[in-house]
Protein backbone atom coordinates (compact mmCIF):
# COMPACT_ATOMS: atom_id res chain seq x y z
CA MET A 1 131.85 95.42 139.44
CA SER A 2 131.30 99.21 139.23
CA ALA A 3 127.83 100.58 138.35
CA PRO A 4 128.93 101.87 134.98
CA ALA A 5 130.40 98.56 134.04
CA ALA A 6 127.25 96.67 135.25
CA ASN A 7 125.05 98.90 133.21
CA GLY A 8 127.25 98.35 130.08
CA MET A 9 126.95 94.57 130.69
CA MET A 10 123.14 94.88 130.92
CA ARG A 11 122.99 96.87 127.77
CA LEU A 12 125.15 94.31 126.01
CA GLY A 13 122.98 91.62 127.19
CA ARG A 14 119.70 93.17 126.17
CA ARG A 15 121.21 93.83 122.58
CA ALA A 16 122.22 90.12 122.46
CA VAL A 17 118.68 89.06 123.30
CA GLU A 18 117.16 91.50 120.92
CA ALA A 19 119.52 90.29 118.19
CA ILE A 20 118.75 86.54 118.93
CA SER A 21 115.05 87.35 119.00
CA SER A 22 115.20 89.10 115.68
CA VAL A 23 116.97 86.27 114.01
CA TRP A 24 114.39 83.71 115.25
CA ILE A 25 111.51 85.91 114.23
CA ASP A 26 113.04 86.29 110.73
CA ARG A 27 113.50 82.63 110.46
CA THR A 28 109.88 81.92 111.69
CA CYS A 29 108.51 84.38 109.17
CA VAL A 30 110.54 82.64 106.33
CA PHE A 31 109.35 79.17 107.54
CA LEU A 32 105.76 80.34 107.53
CA GLY A 33 106.10 82.01 104.22
CA VAL A 34 107.50 78.83 102.59
CA LEU A 35 104.94 76.80 104.38
CA LEU A 36 102.12 78.90 102.80
CA VAL A 37 103.64 78.73 99.36
CA LEU A 38 103.98 74.99 99.44
CA ALA A 39 100.31 74.68 100.70
CA VAL A 40 98.98 76.71 97.71
CA THR A 41 101.34 74.64 95.43
CA ALA A 42 99.95 71.46 96.81
CA PHE A 43 96.33 72.67 96.14
CA GLY A 44 97.27 73.46 92.47
CA ILE A 45 98.61 69.99 92.02
CA LEU A 46 96.08 67.87 94.00
CA ARG A 47 92.95 70.02 93.45
CA PRO A 48 93.28 71.95 90.20
CA ALA A 49 90.22 73.81 88.67
CA TYR A 50 89.31 72.69 85.14
CA ASN A 51 88.05 76.25 84.01
CA TRP A 52 87.09 77.41 80.53
CA ASP A 53 90.38 78.95 79.91
CA MET A 54 92.07 75.71 80.35
CA LEU A 55 89.94 74.40 77.50
CA ALA A 56 90.92 77.14 75.34
CA TYR A 57 94.62 76.88 76.07
CA VAL A 58 94.63 73.13 75.69
CA ALA A 59 93.04 73.68 72.31
CA ALA A 60 95.51 76.32 71.46
CA SER A 61 98.41 73.93 72.35
CA LEU A 62 96.83 71.18 70.22
CA ASP A 63 95.88 73.28 67.30
CA ASP A 64 98.97 72.95 65.23
CA ARG A 65 98.42 69.07 64.89
CA HIS A 66 94.81 69.14 63.72
CA GLU A 67 93.67 69.77 60.19
CA THR A 68 90.03 70.15 60.89
CA ALA A 69 87.98 71.95 63.75
CA GLU A 70 86.28 68.73 64.47
CA THR A 71 89.17 66.65 65.54
CA LEU A 72 90.61 69.63 67.53
CA HIS A 73 87.28 69.96 69.29
CA ALA A 74 87.05 66.34 69.97
CA GLU A 75 90.62 65.88 71.48
CA ALA A 76 90.41 69.17 73.56
CA TRP A 77 87.20 68.19 75.10
CA ALA A 78 88.32 64.60 75.78
CA VAL A 79 91.21 66.01 77.70
CA MET A 80 88.77 68.17 79.80
CA GLU A 81 86.37 65.34 80.35
CA ALA A 82 89.28 62.95 81.57
CA GLY A 83 90.18 65.28 84.49
CA ALA A 84 87.09 67.41 85.39
CA ASN A 85 84.81 66.37 88.32
CA PRO A 86 81.09 66.08 87.52
CA VAL A 87 80.55 69.70 88.72
CA GLN A 88 83.26 71.23 86.71
CA TRP A 89 82.16 69.33 83.71
CA GLN A 90 78.64 70.71 84.08
CA ASP A 91 79.98 74.20 84.39
CA LEU A 92 82.25 73.74 81.41
CA THR A 93 79.50 72.39 79.01
CA ALA A 94 76.37 74.03 80.13
CA ALA A 95 76.84 76.89 82.63
CA ASN A 96 75.82 79.43 80.22
CA PRO A 97 74.95 79.72 76.26
CA TYR A 98 78.52 80.70 75.54
CA ASN A 99 79.99 77.46 77.13
CA ALA A 100 77.19 75.33 75.48
CA ALA A 101 77.97 76.76 72.07
CA ASN A 102 81.77 75.99 72.42
CA TYR A 103 80.84 72.45 73.53
CA GLU A 104 78.43 71.63 70.60
CA ASN A 105 79.99 73.62 67.77
CA PRO A 106 83.61 72.80 66.74
CA VAL A 107 83.76 75.98 64.69
CA ALA A 108 82.97 78.04 67.61
CA LEU A 109 85.73 76.72 69.77
CA GLN A 110 88.30 77.10 66.91
CA SER A 111 87.26 80.73 66.41
CA GLN A 112 88.04 81.55 70.03
CA LEU A 113 91.71 80.59 69.74
CA VAL A 114 92.90 83.88 68.13
CA MET A 115 92.52 85.48 71.61
CA PHE A 116 94.51 82.73 73.10
CA HIS A 117 97.32 82.20 70.57
CA VAL A 118 98.52 85.82 71.22
CA LYS A 119 100.22 84.43 74.44
CA PRO A 120 102.67 82.36 72.49
CA LEU A 121 105.24 81.85 75.33
CA TYR A 122 102.48 80.59 77.63
CA VAL A 123 101.19 78.22 74.86
CA TRP A 124 104.83 77.12 74.26
CA PHE A 125 105.29 76.45 77.92
CA ILE A 126 102.34 73.86 77.88
CA ARG A 127 103.64 72.36 74.62
CA ALA A 128 107.17 71.99 76.28
CA MET A 129 105.74 70.29 79.41
CA GLU A 130 103.32 68.00 77.35
CA PRO A 131 105.83 65.18 76.82
CA ILE A 132 106.39 64.90 80.44
CA ALA A 133 102.87 65.02 81.85
CA GLY A 134 100.43 65.07 78.97
CA VAL A 135 98.68 68.21 77.71
CA GLY A 136 96.16 68.55 80.48
CA LYS A 137 98.49 68.19 83.34
CA ALA A 138 101.00 70.37 81.46
CA ALA A 139 98.45 73.17 81.44
CA ILE A 140 97.88 72.73 85.17
CA ALA A 141 101.59 72.87 85.78
CA ALA A 142 101.78 76.00 83.84
CA SER A 143 100.00 77.48 86.74
CA TRP A 144 101.36 75.77 89.97
CA LEU A 145 104.98 75.65 88.75
CA PRO A 146 105.31 79.59 88.23
CA GLY A 147 103.33 79.93 91.35
CA LEU A 148 105.69 77.98 93.36
CA PHE A 149 108.64 80.02 91.80
CA ILE A 150 106.89 83.20 92.54
CA GLY A 151 106.15 82.35 96.27
CA LEU A 152 109.79 81.26 96.84
CA PHE A 153 111.30 84.01 94.98
CA THR A 154 109.21 86.51 97.03
CA VAL A 155 110.34 84.89 100.31
CA TRP A 156 113.90 84.97 99.09
CA TRP A 157 113.77 88.52 97.98
CA LEU A 158 112.39 89.85 101.25
CA ALA A 159 114.65 87.62 103.40
CA HIS A 160 117.70 88.51 101.25
CA THR A 161 117.11 92.35 101.80
CA GLY A 162 116.45 92.30 105.34
CA CYS A 163 112.57 92.40 105.08
CA ALA A 164 111.78 88.90 106.45
CA GLN A 165 109.41 90.22 108.80
CA ALA A 166 107.14 91.76 106.01
CA ILE A 167 106.60 88.24 104.76
CA PRO A 168 103.48 87.57 106.83
CA PHE A 169 102.04 90.86 105.41
CA VAL A 170 103.17 90.54 101.83
CA LEU A 171 102.03 87.00 101.05
CA PRO A 172 98.40 87.31 102.51
CA ILE A 173 98.20 90.40 100.08
CA PHE A 174 99.44 88.11 97.24
CA VAL A 175 96.62 85.63 98.23
CA MET A 176 94.01 88.26 98.51
CA GLY A 177 95.25 89.60 95.01
CA ASP A 178 94.49 86.14 93.51
CA TYR A 179 97.64 84.18 94.06
CA PHE A 180 95.73 81.16 95.13
CA HIS A 181 93.28 81.38 92.35
CA MET A 182 95.92 81.61 89.75
CA ALA A 183 97.85 78.68 91.15
CA THR A 184 94.84 76.37 90.81
CA HIS A 185 93.27 77.66 87.69
CA VAL A 186 94.78 77.60 84.17
CA VAL A 187 95.58 81.16 83.21
CA PRO A 188 98.61 82.78 81.81
CA ASP A 189 98.96 85.51 84.70
CA MET A 190 101.03 83.25 86.92
CA LEU A 191 103.61 82.76 84.35
CA HIS A 192 103.54 86.36 83.57
CA ALA A 193 104.14 87.35 87.14
CA ALA A 194 107.01 84.81 87.32
CA ILE A 195 108.76 86.98 84.55
CA ALA A 196 107.50 90.36 85.64
CA LEU A 197 108.46 90.21 89.39
CA PRO A 198 112.19 89.13 88.69
CA ALA A 199 112.19 92.01 86.22
CA MET A 200 111.18 94.39 89.08
CA TYR A 201 113.86 92.89 91.28
CA LEU A 202 116.51 93.37 88.60
CA LEU A 203 115.43 97.01 88.20
CA TRP A 204 115.64 97.63 91.91
CA LYS A 205 119.12 96.15 91.90
CA GLY A 206 120.23 98.40 89.04
CA ARG A 207 120.53 95.61 86.43
CA ASP A 208 118.40 97.58 84.05
CA TRP A 209 119.37 95.65 80.69
CA ALA A 210 118.73 92.24 82.23
CA ALA A 211 115.33 93.66 83.59
CA ALA A 212 114.60 94.88 79.99
CA VAL A 213 114.82 91.46 78.40
CA LEU A 214 112.47 90.07 80.92
CA LEU A 215 110.09 92.86 80.19
CA VAL A 216 110.12 92.05 76.59
CA LEU A 217 109.66 88.29 77.28
CA ALA A 218 106.58 89.18 79.57
CA CYS A 219 104.88 90.65 76.51
CA ALA A 220 104.94 87.12 74.85
CA VAL A 221 103.08 85.80 77.86
CA ARG A 222 100.48 88.60 78.18
CA PRO A 223 100.75 91.32 75.31
CA ASP A 224 99.16 93.85 77.60
CA SER A 225 102.38 93.65 79.81
CA ILE A 226 103.51 96.46 77.62
CA ILE A 227 101.44 98.64 79.99
CA LEU A 228 103.79 97.80 82.97
CA THR A 229 106.81 98.63 80.88
CA PHE A 230 105.32 101.95 79.81
CA ALA A 231 104.45 102.76 83.31
CA MET A 232 108.10 102.19 84.26
CA LEU A 233 109.20 104.32 81.33
CA LEU A 234 106.95 107.09 82.65
CA ALA A 235 108.14 106.75 86.24
CA ALA A 236 111.96 106.27 85.53
CA PRO A 237 112.92 110.01 84.80
CA PHE A 238 111.13 111.29 87.99
CA PHE A 239 113.26 108.95 90.08
CA ARG A 240 116.63 109.22 88.27
CA VAL A 241 116.40 105.66 86.94
CA ARG A 242 118.15 105.02 83.41
CA VAL A 243 115.66 105.47 80.85
CA LEU A 244 117.46 103.80 77.82
CA PRO A 245 117.14 100.23 78.83
CA ILE A 246 113.38 100.77 79.74
CA LEU A 247 112.83 102.57 76.41
CA PHE A 248 114.38 99.69 74.71
CA ALA A 249 112.10 97.25 76.50
CA PHE A 250 109.14 99.33 75.63
CA LEU A 251 109.78 99.69 71.87
CA ALA A 252 110.97 96.02 71.48
CA GLY A 253 107.94 94.99 73.46
CA LEU A 254 105.71 97.17 71.31
CA ILE A 255 107.08 95.47 68.10
CA ALA A 256 106.69 92.09 69.62
CA VAL A 257 103.07 92.80 70.56
CA LYS A 258 102.34 94.10 66.97
CA LEU A 259 104.07 91.06 65.28
CA ILE A 260 102.24 88.62 67.62
CA ALA A 261 98.85 90.06 66.90
CA SER A 262 99.54 90.04 63.28
CA ALA A 263 100.86 86.41 63.13
CA TYR A 264 97.86 85.04 64.83
CA ASP A 265 95.30 87.29 63.21
CA HIS A 266 94.02 88.82 66.53
CA ILE A 267 90.56 90.33 66.21
CA GLY A 268 91.87 93.75 67.29
CA TRP A 269 91.35 95.93 70.46
CA TRP A 270 87.74 97.00 69.96
CA PRO A 271 86.14 93.85 69.00
CA HIS A 272 88.10 92.14 71.90
CA PHE A 273 86.91 94.97 74.12
CA VAL A 274 83.15 94.41 73.27
CA PHE A 275 83.70 90.67 73.54
CA SER A 276 85.25 90.70 77.00
CA THR A 277 83.37 93.62 78.63
CA VAL A 278 80.04 93.79 76.75
CA GLU A 279 78.77 90.59 75.21
CA LEU A 280 80.57 87.18 74.74
CA GLN A 281 80.41 85.98 71.13
CA ALA A 282 80.27 82.20 70.46
CA ILE A 283 81.92 82.67 67.01
CA VAL A 284 84.29 85.61 66.66
CA THR A 285 85.28 84.99 63.13
CA GLY A 286 84.32 88.02 61.10
CA PHE A 287 83.22 89.72 64.48
CA ASN A 288 83.80 93.46 63.83
CA PRO A 289 81.37 95.62 65.62
CA GLU A 290 81.18 99.39 64.97
CA PHE A 291 82.76 101.73 67.43
CA SER A 292 80.24 103.10 69.90
CA LEU A 293 80.82 105.41 72.66
CA SER A 294 77.71 104.13 74.63
CA THR A 295 79.00 100.54 74.21
CA MET A 296 82.36 101.67 75.60
CA LEU A 297 80.83 103.25 78.54
CA THR A 298 78.70 100.03 79.17
CA GLY A 299 82.02 98.10 79.39
CA TYR A 300 83.66 100.64 81.78
CA VAL A 301 80.41 100.88 84.03
CA ARG A 302 80.28 96.93 84.05
CA GLY A 303 83.86 96.64 84.93
CA LEU A 304 83.67 99.11 87.68
CA SER A 305 80.49 97.66 89.09
CA VAL A 306 81.89 94.23 89.16
CA ALA A 307 85.36 95.29 90.47
CA PHE A 308 83.84 97.21 93.37
CA GLN A 309 81.36 94.29 94.30
CA HIS A 310 83.41 91.20 93.70
CA SER A 311 87.10 91.95 93.36
CA GLU A 312 89.86 92.68 95.95
CA TRP A 313 92.38 94.63 93.69
CA VAL A 314 90.53 97.82 94.15
CA TRP A 315 90.68 97.76 97.93
CA LEU A 316 94.16 96.19 98.14
CA ALA A 317 95.34 99.13 95.92
CA THR A 318 93.61 101.52 98.23
CA LEU A 319 95.26 100.14 101.40
CA LEU A 320 98.68 100.17 99.78
CA ILE A 321 98.42 103.75 98.36
CA SER A 322 96.94 104.98 101.77
CA ALA A 323 99.98 103.33 103.62
CA ARG A 324 102.34 105.03 101.23
CA LEU A 325 100.74 108.35 101.80
CA VAL A 326 100.84 107.87 105.58
CA ALA A 327 104.37 106.96 105.51
CA LEU A 328 105.10 110.12 103.43
CA SER A 329 103.48 112.18 106.01
CA TYR A 330 105.89 110.86 108.60
CA GLY A 331 108.83 111.56 106.27
CA ILE A 332 109.42 107.83 105.44
CA ILE A 333 111.04 107.75 102.10
CA GLY A 334 112.84 104.79 100.53
CA ASP A 335 115.58 104.66 97.94
CA ARG A 336 114.71 105.91 94.55
CA ARG A 337 114.37 102.70 92.86
CA ALA A 338 111.96 101.40 95.27
CA GLU A 339 110.01 104.42 94.95
CA ALA A 340 110.06 104.09 91.21
CA LEU A 341 108.69 100.58 91.19
CA PHE A 342 105.86 101.66 93.56
CA ALA A 343 104.99 104.81 91.27
CA ALA A 344 105.28 102.56 88.14
CA CYS A 345 102.97 99.71 89.50
CA PHE A 346 100.54 102.39 90.65
CA LEU A 347 100.48 103.88 87.16
CA GLY A 348 100.36 100.61 85.43
CA LEU A 349 97.31 99.49 87.61
CA GLY A 350 95.23 102.29 86.45
CA GLY A 351 96.55 102.08 82.83
CA LYS A 352 95.46 98.36 82.88
CA PHE A 353 91.99 99.18 83.71
CA VAL A 354 91.71 102.25 81.60
CA SER A 355 92.92 100.20 78.50
CA PHE A 356 90.78 97.27 79.09
CA PRO A 357 88.31 97.40 81.98
CA LEU A 358 88.17 93.72 83.09
CA PRO A 359 87.35 93.35 86.82
CA ASP A 360 89.07 90.09 87.54
CA ASP A 361 91.95 90.35 90.23
CA ARG A 362 94.37 88.29 88.22
CA PHE A 363 94.73 90.94 85.69
CA TYR A 364 96.01 93.31 88.36
CA PHE A 365 98.07 90.96 90.59
CA VAL A 366 101.66 91.93 89.15
CA PHE A 367 100.84 95.55 89.97
CA ILE A 368 99.54 94.78 93.44
CA ALA A 369 102.50 92.40 94.11
CA GLY A 370 105.07 95.10 92.86
CA MET A 371 103.37 97.79 95.16
CA ALA A 372 103.49 95.45 98.20
CA MET A 373 107.01 94.38 97.64
CA SER A 374 108.30 97.96 97.11
CA LEU A 375 106.27 99.24 100.13
CA ALA A 376 108.12 96.59 102.08
CA LEU A 377 111.45 97.74 100.77
CA ILE A 378 110.69 101.40 101.50
CA PHE A 379 109.73 100.71 105.17
CA ARG A 380 112.83 98.59 105.58
CA LEU A 381 115.19 101.13 104.18
CA ARG A 382 113.62 103.63 106.40
CA PHE A 383 113.86 101.63 109.68
CA ALA A 384 117.44 100.43 108.92
CA ARG A 385 118.75 103.82 109.25
């Protein structure tokens, strides 16, 4: 065999080995990703946390069948007592004056529900699952079931688009961003992400009207999801993404948010701001504090202080933004829709904190997740050239 022919055979052999190695690396990444998702789901099923929000959402789910605050209070607390362990029960009933007041006073608990009924699609989900598992386990399933979907959907999205080797990086970012906590605690953020992330995928694929429908639905799980839609609306023109479907989603979502707030007599943005960021109120009926700039600043300072000391979203956002800037310095630019998603999630994350400075990671999960996914797409598109 001549030297050129031998060299050609060697190059062909190396390429075959590289291709086989790449396939097995992809499969290993997918396997590890699915394993992680199933492990988190197992924790959500076997070791759920009976947190205070679970009490509130159980009560909201039962509210339509009780004529008095006393009977609602009794059934909601009975559900919690049946499943909580002694440590969880102690925290639920006596961890602080707010919890104690809601345990002792039926009127206090019922007054809180105006802030939980404004997630009607989440409450409906619990009610829909109740005949199968009972209201307590239904509330728990409303976290781990969407969590299972999010995890498997993320693995599929990355694998389907040639980004399987990004799975070991993206999923740990999810976990640090509160994925595990949301799968084991009863909060609406997991169901919200289970709608918002597919909406991002559809936008990236160019199926803008289908994405618009999901963005409107997301507002029925968390009304503040309108911030994500608005951020996408701001980013769309700069990246030549069709504005009309997103504008429709924003206007329809805004109308939905207003109708939901009116239907359930929500206390309003400012009272809710004071309640959540400055001082908890055992009874919110009639709670209408006067606007105060110093009170507002107190809420923002507290939110920043707790976020910097105890939250991960600030640092995850910093790392993701830094990675994007470094990539830009090397000329790494993805397709316009992936870039639009990254920009929208960055804007939405900032807008979420500015509109309501709660420090908990779960409120920012969908933005962190969107930034991580779009960054994976941007790098994959670059290296695929």
